[in-house]
Amino acid sequence: MMRPPLFIRILIVQKGKNKIRLWFPFILVWLVFLVLAIALSPLILIAALVLWPSGLGKKLLMFGPMFFNVLNSLSGLYIQTQDQDSKVYITIK
């Protein structure tokens, strides 16, 4: 099992200006998803029952576990973008 990421670090460097560093705990993303999953679970179950004969019901029910796997796979992601005047670094650890 993969370890879920703990932090998102954003570093913004502007030419001739100070650096901006932001640390964002990744647990907040999990909490938002959990609240949405609990709030929408009755609708998702009804939609899955209605769509089960067409084969889409199983895919709808498996969306949650697949989403968790994608979020867990983000650990170690490093993104670097730059402009003429600024650079942005995003690290997910």
PDB file of N, CA and C in Angstrom:
ATOM      1  N   MET A   1       0.836  -1.185   0.000  1.00  0.00           N
ATOM      2  CA  MET A   1       0.000   0.000   0.000  1.00  0.00           C
ATOM      3  C   MET A   1       0.878   1.244   0.000  1.00  0.00           C
ATOM      4  N   MET A   2       0.491   2.208  -0.791  1.00  0.00           N
ATOM      5  CA  MET A   2       1.251   3.447  -0.885  1.00  0.00           C
ATOM      6  C   MET A   2       0.939   4.376   0.283  1.00  0.00           C
ATOM      7  N   ARG A   3       1.958   5.130   0.667  1.00  0.00           N
ATOM      8  CA  ARG A   3       1.789   6.118   1.715  1.00  0.00           C
ATOM      9  C   ARG A   3       1.177   7.369   1.098  1.00  0.00           C
ATOM     10  N   PRO A   4       0.114   7.917   1.698  1.00  0.00           N
ATOM     11  CA  PRO A   4      -0.476   9.133   1.139  1.00  0.00           C
ATOM     12  C   PRO A   4       0.428  10.335   1.381  1.00  0.00           C
ATOM     13  N   PRO A   5       0.403  11.313   0.496  1.00  0.00           N
ATOM     14  CA  PRO A   5       1.219  12.513   0.694  1.00  0.00           C
ATOM     15  C   PRO A   5       0.734  13.298   1.905  1.00  0.00           C
ATOM     16  N   LEU A   6       1.662  13.982   2.558  1.00  0.00           N
ATOM     17  CA  LEU A   6       1.332  14.724   3.767  1.00  0.00           C
ATOM     18  C   LEU A   6       1.242  16.228   3.540  1.00  0.00           C
ATOM     19  N   PHE A   7       2.111  16.765   2.679  1.00  0.00           N
ATOM     20  CA  PHE A   7       2.158  18.212   2.490  1.00  0.00           C
ATOM     21  C   PHE A   7       2.253  18.573   1.020  1.00  0.00           C
ATOM     22  N   ILE A   8       1.733  19.743   0.711  1.00  0.00           N
ATOM     23  CA  ILE A   8       1.961  20.384  -0.583  1.00  0.00           C
ATOM     24  C   ILE A   8       2.754  21.647  -0.278  1.00  0.00           C
ATOM     25  N   ARG A   9       3.899  21.775  -0.897  1.00  0.00           N
ATOM     26  CA  ARG A   9       4.743  22.954  -0.684  1.00  0.00           C
ATOM     27  C   ARG A   9       4.769  23.764  -1.969  1.00  0.00           C
ATOM     28  N   ILE A  10       4.450  25.036  -1.865  1.00  0.00           N
ATOM     29  CA  ILE A  10       4.446  25.938  -3.013  1.00  0.00           C
ATOM     30  C   ILE A  10       5.461  27.040  -2.749  1.00  0.00           C
ATOM     31  N   LEU A  11       6.372  27.231  -3.674  1.00  0.00           N
ATOM     32  CA  LEU A  11       7.385  28.270  -3.568  1.00  0.00           C
ATOM     33  C   LEU A  11       7.280  29.158  -4.799  1.00  0.00           C
ATOM     34  N   ILE A  12       7.091  30.450  -4.574  1.00  0.00           N
ATOM     35  CA  ILE A  12       6.989  31.427  -5.660  1.00  0.00           C
ATOM     36  C   ILE A  12       8.156  32.395  -5.525  1.00  0.00           C
ATOM     37  N   VAL A  13       8.987  32.465  -6.557  1.00  0.00           N
ATOM     38  CA  VAL A  13      10.147  33.349  -6.565  1.00  0.00           C
ATOM     39  C   VAL A  13       9.934  34.376  -7.662  1.00  0.00           C
ATOM     40  N   GLN A  14       9.887  35.642  -7.269  1.00  0.00           N
ATOM     41  CA  GLN A  14       9.742  36.715  -8.249  1.00  0.00           C
ATOM     42  C   GLN A  14      11.065  37.450  -8.372  1.00  0.00           C
ATOM     43  N   LYS A  15      11.368  37.870  -9.565  1.00  0.00           N
ATOM     44  CA  LYS A  15      12.636  38.528  -9.844  1.00  0.00           C
ATOM     45  C   LYS A  15      12.729  39.842  -9.065  1.00  0.00           C
ATOM     46  N   GLY A  16      13.745  39.975  -8.255  1.00  0.00           N
ATOM     47  CA  GLY A  16      13.961  41.203  -7.504  1.00  0.00           C
ATOM     48  C   GLY A  16      13.048  41.367  -6.301  1.00  0.00           C
ATOM     49  N   LYS A  17      12.260  40.352  -5.958  1.00  0.00           N
ATOM     50  CA  LYS A  17      11.361  40.447  -4.815  1.00  0.00           C
ATOM     51  C   LYS A  17      11.561  39.244  -3.905  1.00  0.00           C
ATOM     52  N   ASN A  18      10.877  39.256  -2.792  1.00  0.00           N
ATOM     53  CA  ASN A  18      10.985  38.173  -1.827  1.00  0.00           C
ATOM     54  C   ASN A  18      10.328  36.898  -2.334  1.00  0.00           C
ATOM     55  N   LYS A  19      10.712  35.826  -1.703  1.00  0.00           N
ATOM     56  CA  LYS A  19      10.116  34.535  -2.011  1.00  0.00           C
ATOM     57  C   LYS A  19       8.851  34.364  -1.180  1.00  0.00           C
ATOM     58  N   ILE A  20       7.890  33.660  -1.739  1.00  0.00           N
ATOM     59  CA  ILE A  20       6.672  33.326  -1.018  1.00  0.00           C
ATOM     60  C   ILE A  20       6.663  31.811  -0.851  1.00  0.00           C
ATOM     61  N   ARG A  21       6.608  31.352   0.392  1.00  0.00           N
ATOM     62  CA  ARG A  21       6.575  29.917   0.677  1.00  0.00           C
ATOM     63  C   ARG A  21       5.264  29.580   1.362  1.00  0.00           C
ATOM     64  N   LEU A  22       4.581  28.581   0.829  1.00  0.00           N
ATOM     65  CA  LEU A  22       3.323  28.127   1.401  1.00  0.00           C
ATOM     66  C   LEU A  22       3.405  26.631   1.655  1.00  0.00           C
ATOM     67  N   TRP A  23       3.016  26.217   2.849  1.00  0.00           N
ATOM     68  CA  TRP A  23       2.907  24.808   3.190  1.00  0.00           C
ATOM     69  C   TRP A  23       1.438  24.520   3.412  1.00  0.00           C
ATOM     70  N   PHE A  24       0.931  23.528   2.724  1.00  0.00           N
ATOM     71  CA  PHE A  24      -0.484  23.190   2.794  1.00  0.00           C
ATOM     72  C   PHE A  24      -0.594  21.728   3.201  1.00  0.00           C
ATOM     73  N   PRO A  25      -1.222  21.425   4.344  1.00  0.00           N
ATOM     74  CA  PRO A  25      -1.364  20.013   4.726  1.00  0.00           C
ATOM     75  C   PRO A  25      -2.344  19.289   3.807  1.00  0.00           C
ATOM     76  N   PHE A  26      -1.912  18.184   3.256  1.00  0.00           N
ATOM     77  CA  PHE A  26      -2.702  17.424   2.289  1.00  0.00           C
ATOM     78  C   PHE A  26      -3.914  16.771   2.933  1.00  0.00           C
ATOM     79  N   ILE A  27      -3.905  16.662   4.259  1.00  0.00           N
ATOM     80  CA  ILE A  27      -5.038  16.058   4.962  1.00  0.00           C
ATOM     81  C   ILE A  27      -6.309  16.859   4.724  1.00  0.00           C
ATOM     82  N   LEU A  28      -6.187  18.149   4.450  1.00  0.00           N
ATOM     83  CA  LEU A  28      -7.365  18.967   4.175  1.00  0.00           C
ATOM     84  C   LEU A  28      -8.060  18.535   2.887  1.00  0.00           C
ATOM     85  N   VAL A  29      -7.291  18.064   1.909  1.00  0.00           N
ATOM     86  CA  VAL A  29      -7.894  17.540   0.675  1.00  0.00           C
ATOM     87  C   VAL A  29      -8.692  16.283   0.993  1.00  0.00           C
ATOM     88  N   TRP A  30      -8.124  15.414   1.852  1.00  0.00           N
ATOM     89  CA  TRP A  30      -8.828  14.197   2.249  1.00  0.00           C
ATOM     90  C   TRP A  30     -10.118  14.533   2.981  1.00  0.00           C
ATOM     91  N   LEU A  31     -10.080  15.538   3.860  1.00  0.00           N
ATOM     92  CA  LEU A  31     -11.270  15.901   4.624  1.00  0.00           C
ATOM     93  C   LEU A  31     -12.379  16.450   3.727  1.00  0.00           C
ATOM     94  N   VAL A  32     -12.021  17.265   2.757  1.00  0.00           N
ATOM     95  CA  VAL A  32     -13.019  17.798   1.822  1.00  0.00           C
ATOM     96  C   VAL A  32     -13.649  16.659   1.026  1.00  0.00           C
ATOM     97  N   PHE A  33     -12.820  15.719   0.550  1.00  0.00           N
ATOM     98  CA  PHE A  33     -13.348  14.589  -0.201  1.00  0.00           C
ATOM     99  C   PHE A  33     -14.249  13.715   0.671  1.00  0.00           C
ATOM    100  N   LEU A  34     -13.876  13.515   1.937  1.00  0.00           N
ATOM    101  CA  LEU A  34     -14.682  12.709   2.840  1.00  0.00           C
ATOM    102  C   LEU A  34     -16.054  13.339   3.087  1.00  0.00           C
ATOM    103  N   VAL A  35     -16.070  14.647   3.291  1.00  0.00           N
ATOM    104  CA  VAL A  35     -17.348  15.341   3.493  1.00  0.00           C
ATOM    105  C   VAL A  35     -18.227  15.233   2.249  1.00  0.00           C
ATOM    106  N   LEU A  36     -17.637  15.426   1.073  1.00  0.00           N
ATOM    107  CA  LEU A  36     -18.404  15.298  -0.175  1.00  0.00           C
ATOM    108  C   LEU A  36     -18.899  13.870  -0.382  1.00  0.00           C
ATOM    109  N   ALA A  37     -18.068  12.901  -0.056  1.00  0.00           N
ATOM    110  CA  ALA A  37     -18.475  11.502  -0.235  1.00  0.00           C
ATOM    111  C   ALA A  37     -19.638  11.144   0.685  1.00  0.00           C
ATOM    112  N   ILE A  38     -19.592  11.608   1.917  1.00  0.00           N
ATOM    113  CA  ILE A  38     -20.678  11.319   2.850  1.00  0.00           C
ATOM    114  C   ILE A  38     -21.960  12.032   2.419  1.00  0.00           C
ATOM    115  N   ALA A  39     -21.834  13.274   1.989  1.00  0.00           N
ATOM    116  CA  ALA A  39     -23.019  14.047   1.598  1.00  0.00           C
ATOM    117  C   ALA A  39     -23.667  13.493   0.329  1.00  0.00           C
ATOM    118  N   LEU A  40     -22.851  13.017  -0.596  1.00  0.00           N
ATOM    119  CA  LEU A  40     -23.390  12.550  -1.882  1.00  0.00           C
ATOM    120  C   LEU A  40     -23.619  11.044  -1.954  1.00  0.00           C
ATOM    121  N   SER A  41     -23.298  10.307  -0.895  1.00  0.00           N
ATOM    122  CA  SER A  41     -23.418   8.848  -0.954  1.00  0.00           C
ATOM    123  C   SER A  41     -24.840   8.346  -1.247  1.00  0.00           C
ATOM    124  N   PRO A  42     -25.903   8.943  -0.694  1.00  0.00           N
ATOM    125  CA  PRO A  42     -27.231   8.436  -1.082  1.00  0.00           C
ATOM    126  C   PRO A  42     -27.528   8.610  -2.571  1.00  0.00           C
ATOM    127  N   LEU A  43     -27.130   9.741  -3.129  1.00  0.00           N
ATOM    128  CA  LEU A  43     -27.359   9.971  -4.556  1.00  0.00           C
ATOM    129  C   LEU A  43     -26.518   9.040  -5.422  1.00  0.00           C
ATOM    130  N   ILE A  44     -25.290   8.791  -4.999  1.00  0.00           N
ATOM    131  CA  ILE A  44     -24.416   7.899  -5.759  1.00  0.00           C
ATOM    132  C   ILE A  44     -24.956   6.472  -5.737  1.00  0.00           C
ATOM    133  N   LEU A  45     -25.457   6.027  -4.583  1.00  0.00           N
ATOM    134  CA  LEU A  45     -26.015   4.671  -4.503  1.00  0.00           C
ATOM    135  C   LEU A  45     -27.264   4.518  -5.370  1.00  0.00           C
ATOM    136  N   ILE A  46     -28.115   5.513  -5.362  1.00  0.00           N
ATOM    137  CA  ILE A  46     -29.316   5.460  -6.204  1.00  0.00           C
ATOM    138  C   ILE A  46     -28.930   5.459  -7.680  1.00  0.00           C
ATOM    139  N   ALA A  47     -27.993   6.313  -8.050  1.00  0.00           N
ATOM    140  CA  ALA A  47     -27.547   6.359  -9.446  1.00  0.00           C
ATOM    141  C   ALA A  47     -26.884   5.046  -9.849  1.00  0.00           C
ATOM    142  N   ALA A  48     -26.125   4.436  -8.932  1.00  0.00           N
ATOM    143  CA  ALA A  48     -25.481   3.160  -9.248  1.00  0.00           C
ATOM    144  C   ALA A  48     -26.515   2.057  -9.456  1.00  0.00           C
ATOM    145  N   LEU A  49     -27.560   2.057  -8.638  1.00  0.00           N
ATOM    146  CA  LEU A  49     -28.616   1.053  -8.821  1.00  0.00           C
ATOM    147  C   LEU A  49     -29.354   1.232 -10.137  1.00  0.00           C
ATOM    148  N   VAL A  50     -29.602   2.472 -10.508  1.00  0.00           N
ATOM    149  CA  VAL A  50     -30.299   2.747 -11.766  1.00  0.00           C
ATOM    150  C   VAL A  50     -29.415   2.379 -12.964  1.00  0.00           C
ATOM    151  N   LEU A  51     -28.115   2.661 -12.864  1.00  0.00           N
ATOM    152  CA  LEU A  51     -27.206   2.434 -13.987  1.00  0.00           C
ATOM    153  C   LEU A  51     -26.582   1.039 -14.010  1.00  0.00           C
ATOM    154  N   TRP A  52     -26.861   0.210 -13.008  1.00  0.00           N
ATOM    155  CA  TRP A  52     -26.239  -1.114 -12.934  1.00  0.00           C
ATOM    156  C   TRP A  52     -26.508  -1.981 -14.163  1.00  0.00           C
ATOM    157  N   PRO A  53     -27.730  -2.015 -14.687  1.00  0.00           N
ATOM    158  CA  PRO A  53     -27.962  -2.860 -15.884  1.00  0.00           C
ATOM    159  C   PRO A  53     -27.125  -2.444 -17.097  1.00  0.00           C
ATOM    160  N   SER A  54     -26.802  -1.179 -17.218  1.00  0.00           N
ATOM    161  CA  SER A  54     -26.011  -0.740 -18.370  1.00  0.00           C
ATOM    162  C   SER A  54     -24.513  -0.932 -18.161  1.00  0.00           C
ATOM    163  N   GLY A  55     -24.092  -1.306 -16.949  1.00  0.00           N
ATOM    164  CA  GLY A  55     -22.672  -1.516 -16.684  1.00  0.00           C
ATOM    165  C   GLY A  55     -21.969  -0.308 -16.114  1.00  0.00           C
ATOM    166  N   LEU A  56     -22.618   0.834 -16.050  1.00  0.00           N
ATOM    167  CA  LEU A  56     -21.993   2.039 -15.524  1.00  0.00           C
ATOM    168  C   LEU A  56     -22.077   2.131 -14.000  1.00  0.00           C
ATOM    169  N   GLY A  57     -22.942   1.341 -13.388  1.00  0.00           N
ATOM    170  CA  GLY A  57     -23.111   1.384 -11.940  1.00  0.00           C
ATOM    171  C   GLY A  57     -21.853   0.964 -11.199  1.00  0.00           C
ATOM    172  N   LYS A  58     -21.195  -0.084 -11.679  1.00  0.00           N
ATOM    173  CA  LYS A  58     -19.962  -0.552 -11.041  1.00  0.00           C
ATOM    174  C   LYS A  58     -18.862   0.494 -11.166  1.00  0.00           C
ATOM    175  N   LYS A  59     -18.756   1.133 -12.311  1.00  0.00           N
ATOM    176  CA  LYS A  59     -17.754   2.179 -12.500  1.00  0.00           C
ATOM    177  C   LYS A  59     -18.016   3.361 -11.579  1.00  0.00           C
ATOM    178  N   LEU A  60     -19.273   3.691 -11.393  1.00  0.00           N
ATOM    179  CA  LEU A  60     -19.632   4.786 -10.505  1.00  0.00           C
ATOM    180  C   LEU A  60     -19.263   4.465  -9.057  1.00  0.00           C
ATOM    181  N   LEU A  61     -19.493   3.230  -8.628  1.00  0.00           N
ATOM    182  CA  LEU A  61     -19.145   2.836  -7.268  1.00  0.00           C
ATOM    183  C   LEU A  61     -17.638   2.746  -7.052  1.00  0.00           C
ATOM    184  N   MET A  62     -16.887   2.456  -8.087  1.00  0.00           N
ATOM    185  CA  MET A  62     -15.437   2.334  -7.967  1.00  0.00           C
ATOM    186  C   MET A  62     -14.707   3.668  -8.109  1.00  0.00           C
ATOM    187  N   PHE A  63     -15.438   4.758  -8.321  1.00  0.00           N
ATOM    188  CA  PHE A  63     -14.804   6.061  -8.472  1.00  0.00           C
ATOM    189  C   PHE A  63     -14.048   6.468  -7.212  1.00  0.00           C
ATOM    190  N   GLY A  64     -14.621   6.240  -6.052  1.00  0.00           N
ATOM    191  CA  GLY A  64     -13.990   6.615  -4.778  1.00  0.00           C
ATOM    192  C   GLY A  64     -12.645   5.942  -4.566  1.00  0.00           C
ATOM    193  N   PRO A  65     -12.578   4.604  -4.635  1.00  0.00           N
ATOM    194  CA  PRO A  65     -11.281   3.945  -4.470  1.00  0.00           C
ATOM    195  C   PRO A  65     -10.252   4.336  -5.536  1.00  0.00           C
ATOM    196  N   MET A  66     -10.707   4.540  -6.765  1.00  0.00           N
ATOM    197  CA  MET A  66      -9.770   4.957  -7.815  1.00  0.00           C
ATOM    198  C   MET A  66      -9.235   6.358  -7.540  1.00  0.00           C
ATOM    199  N   PHE A  67     -10.087   7.252  -7.028  1.00  0.00           N
ATOM    200  CA  PHE A  67      -9.659   8.605  -6.691  1.00  0.00           C
ATOM    201  C   PHE A  67      -8.626   8.576  -5.566  1.00  0.00           C
ATOM    202  N   PHE A  68      -8.835   7.726  -4.544  1.00  0.00           N
ATOM    203  CA  PHE A  68      -7.868   7.592  -3.463  1.00  0.00           C
ATOM    204  C   PHE A  68      -6.531   7.078  -3.990  1.00  0.00           C
ATOM    205  N   ASN A  69      -6.549   6.137  -4.915  1.00  0.00           N
ATOM    206  CA  ASN A  69      -5.303   5.630  -5.491  1.00  0.00           C
ATOM    207  C   ASN A  69      -4.552   6.718  -6.252  1.00  0.00           C
ATOM    208  N   VAL A  70      -5.275   7.548  -6.969  1.00  0.00           N
ATOM    209  CA  VAL A  70      -4.624   8.640  -7.702  1.00  0.00           C
ATOM    210  C   VAL A  70      -3.999   9.638  -6.722  1.00  0.00           C
ATOM    211  N   LEU A  71      -4.714   9.996  -5.659  1.00  0.00           N
ATOM    212  CA  LEU A  71      -4.155  10.924  -4.668  1.00  0.00           C
ATOM    213  C   LEU A  71      -2.933  10.332  -3.978  1.00  0.00           C
ATOM    214  N   ASN A  72      -2.957   9.037  -3.674  1.00  0.00           N
ATOM    215  CA  ASN A  72      -1.799   8.401  -3.059  1.00  0.00           C
ATOM    216  C   ASN A  72      -0.611   8.359  -4.009  1.00  0.00           C
ATOM    217  N   SER A  73      -0.856   8.283  -5.292  1.00  0.00           N
ATOM    218  CA  SER A  73       0.223   8.225  -6.278  1.00  0.00           C
ATOM    219  C   SER A  73       0.903   9.572  -6.488  1.00  0.00           C
ATOM    220  N   LEU A  74       0.322  10.640  -5.996  1.00  0.00           N
ATOM    221  CA  LEU A  74       0.914  11.963  -6.174  1.00  0.00           C
ATOM    222  C   LEU A  74       2.134  12.201  -5.299  1.00  0.00           C
ATOM    223  N   SER A  75       2.395  11.346  -4.336  1.00  0.00           N
ATOM    224  CA  SER A  75       3.532  11.518  -3.440  1.00  0.00           C
ATOM    225  C   SER A  75       4.833  11.529  -4.244  1.00  0.00           C
ATOM    226  N   GLY A  76       5.635  12.547  -4.049  1.00  0.00           N
ATOM    227  CA  GLY A  76       6.894  12.693  -4.770  1.00  0.00           C
ATOM    228  C   GLY A  76       6.792  13.532  -6.033  1.00  0.00           C
ATOM    229  N   LEU A  77       5.617  14.062  -6.333  1.00  0.00           N
ATOM    230  CA  LEU A  77       5.432  14.875  -7.538  1.00  0.00           C
ATOM    231  C   LEU A  77       6.115  16.233  -7.361  1.00  0.00           C
ATOM    232  N   TYR A  78       6.836  16.665  -8.387  1.00  0.00           N
ATOM    233  CA  TYR A  78       7.538  17.950  -8.368  1.00  0.00           C
ATOM    234  C   TYR A  78       7.208  18.675  -9.669  1.00  0.00           C
ATOM    235  N   ILE A  79       6.678  19.896  -9.547  1.00  0.00           N
ATOM    236  CA  ILE A  79       6.308  20.692 -10.714  1.00  0.00           C
ATOM    237  C   ILE A  79       7.077  22.000 -10.655  1.00  0.00           C
ATOM    238  N   GLN A  80       7.694  22.375 -11.769  1.00  0.00           N
ATOM    239  CA  GLN A  80       8.435  23.630 -11.842  1.00  0.00           C
ATOM    240  C   GLN A  80       8.007  24.369 -13.097  1.00  0.00           C
ATOM    241  N   THR A  81       7.539  25.591 -12.929  1.00  0.00           N
ATOM    242  CA  THR A  81       7.189  26.433 -14.069  1.00  0.00           C
ATOM    243  C   THR A  81       7.902  27.766 -13.912  1.00  0.00           C
ATOM    244  N   GLN A  82       8.180  28.399 -15.028  1.00  0.00           N
ATOM    245  CA  GLN A  82       8.824  29.701 -14.936  1.00  0.00           C
ATOM    246  C   GLN A  82       8.328  30.625 -16.026  1.00  0.00           C
ATOM    247  N   ASP A  83       8.382  31.882 -15.689  1.00  0.00           N
ATOM    248  CA  ASP A  83       7.979  32.975 -16.553  1.00  0.00           C
ATOM    249  C   ASP A  83       9.209  33.857 -16.709  1.00  0.00           C
ATOM    250  N   GLN A  84       9.088  34.951 -17.404  1.00  0.00           N
ATOM    251  CA  GLN A  84      10.214  35.873 -17.523  1.00  0.00           C
ATOM    252  C   GLN A  84      10.569  36.490 -16.172  1.00  0.00           C
ATOM    253  N   ASP A  85       9.559  36.727 -15.344  1.00  0.00           N
ATOM    254  CA  ASP A  85       9.788  37.425 -14.084  1.00  0.00           C
ATOM    255  C   ASP A  85       9.645  36.557 -12.843  1.00  0.00           C
ATOM    256  N   SER A  86       9.084  35.377 -12.963  1.00  0.00           N
ATOM    257  CA  SER A  86       8.830  34.585 -11.765  1.00  0.00           C
ATOM    258  C   SER A  86       8.982  33.089 -12.039  1.00  0.00           C
ATOM    259  N   LYS A  87       9.177  32.355 -10.956  1.00  0.00           N
ATOM    260  CA  LYS A  87       9.254  30.903 -10.997  1.00  0.00           C
ATOM    261  C   LYS A  87       8.322  30.358  -9.929  1.00  0.00           C
ATOM    262  N   VAL A  88       7.691  29.235 -10.230  1.00  0.00           N
ATOM    263  CA  VAL A  88       6.787  28.587  -9.284  1.00  0.00           C
ATOM    264  C   VAL A  88       7.205  27.127  -9.164  1.00  0.00           C
ATOM    265  N   TYR A  89       7.414  26.696  -7.914  1.00  0.00           N
ATOM    266  CA  TYR A  89       7.758  25.308  -7.630  1.00  0.00           C
ATOM    267  C   TYR A  89       6.651  24.715  -6.765  1.00  0.00           C
ATOM    268  N   ILE A  90       6.149  23.549  -7.144  1.00  0.00           N
ATOM    269  CA  ILE A  90       5.138  22.850  -6.371  1.00  0.00           C
ATOM    270  C   ILE A  90       5.665  21.456  -6.086  1.00  0.00           C
ATOM    271  N   THR A  91       5.731  21.113  -4.798  1.00  0.00           N
ATOM    272  CA  THR A  91       6.220  19.806  -4.387  1.00  0.00           C
ATOM    273  C   THR A  91       5.166  19.138  -3.520  1.00  0.00           C
ATOM    274  N   ILE A  92       4.871  17.893  -3.821  1.00  0.00           N
ATOM    275  CA  ILE A  92       3.916  17.123  -3.012  1.00  0.00           C
ATOM    276  C   ILE A  92       4.715  15.993  -2.358  1.00  0.00           C
ATOM    277  N   LYS A  93       4.765  16.016  -1.026  1.00  0.00           N
ATOM    278  CA  LYS A  93       5.538  14.998  -0.269  1.00  0.00           C
ATOM    279  C   LYS A  93       4.639  14.308   0.709  1.00  0.00           C
TER     280      LYS A  93
END
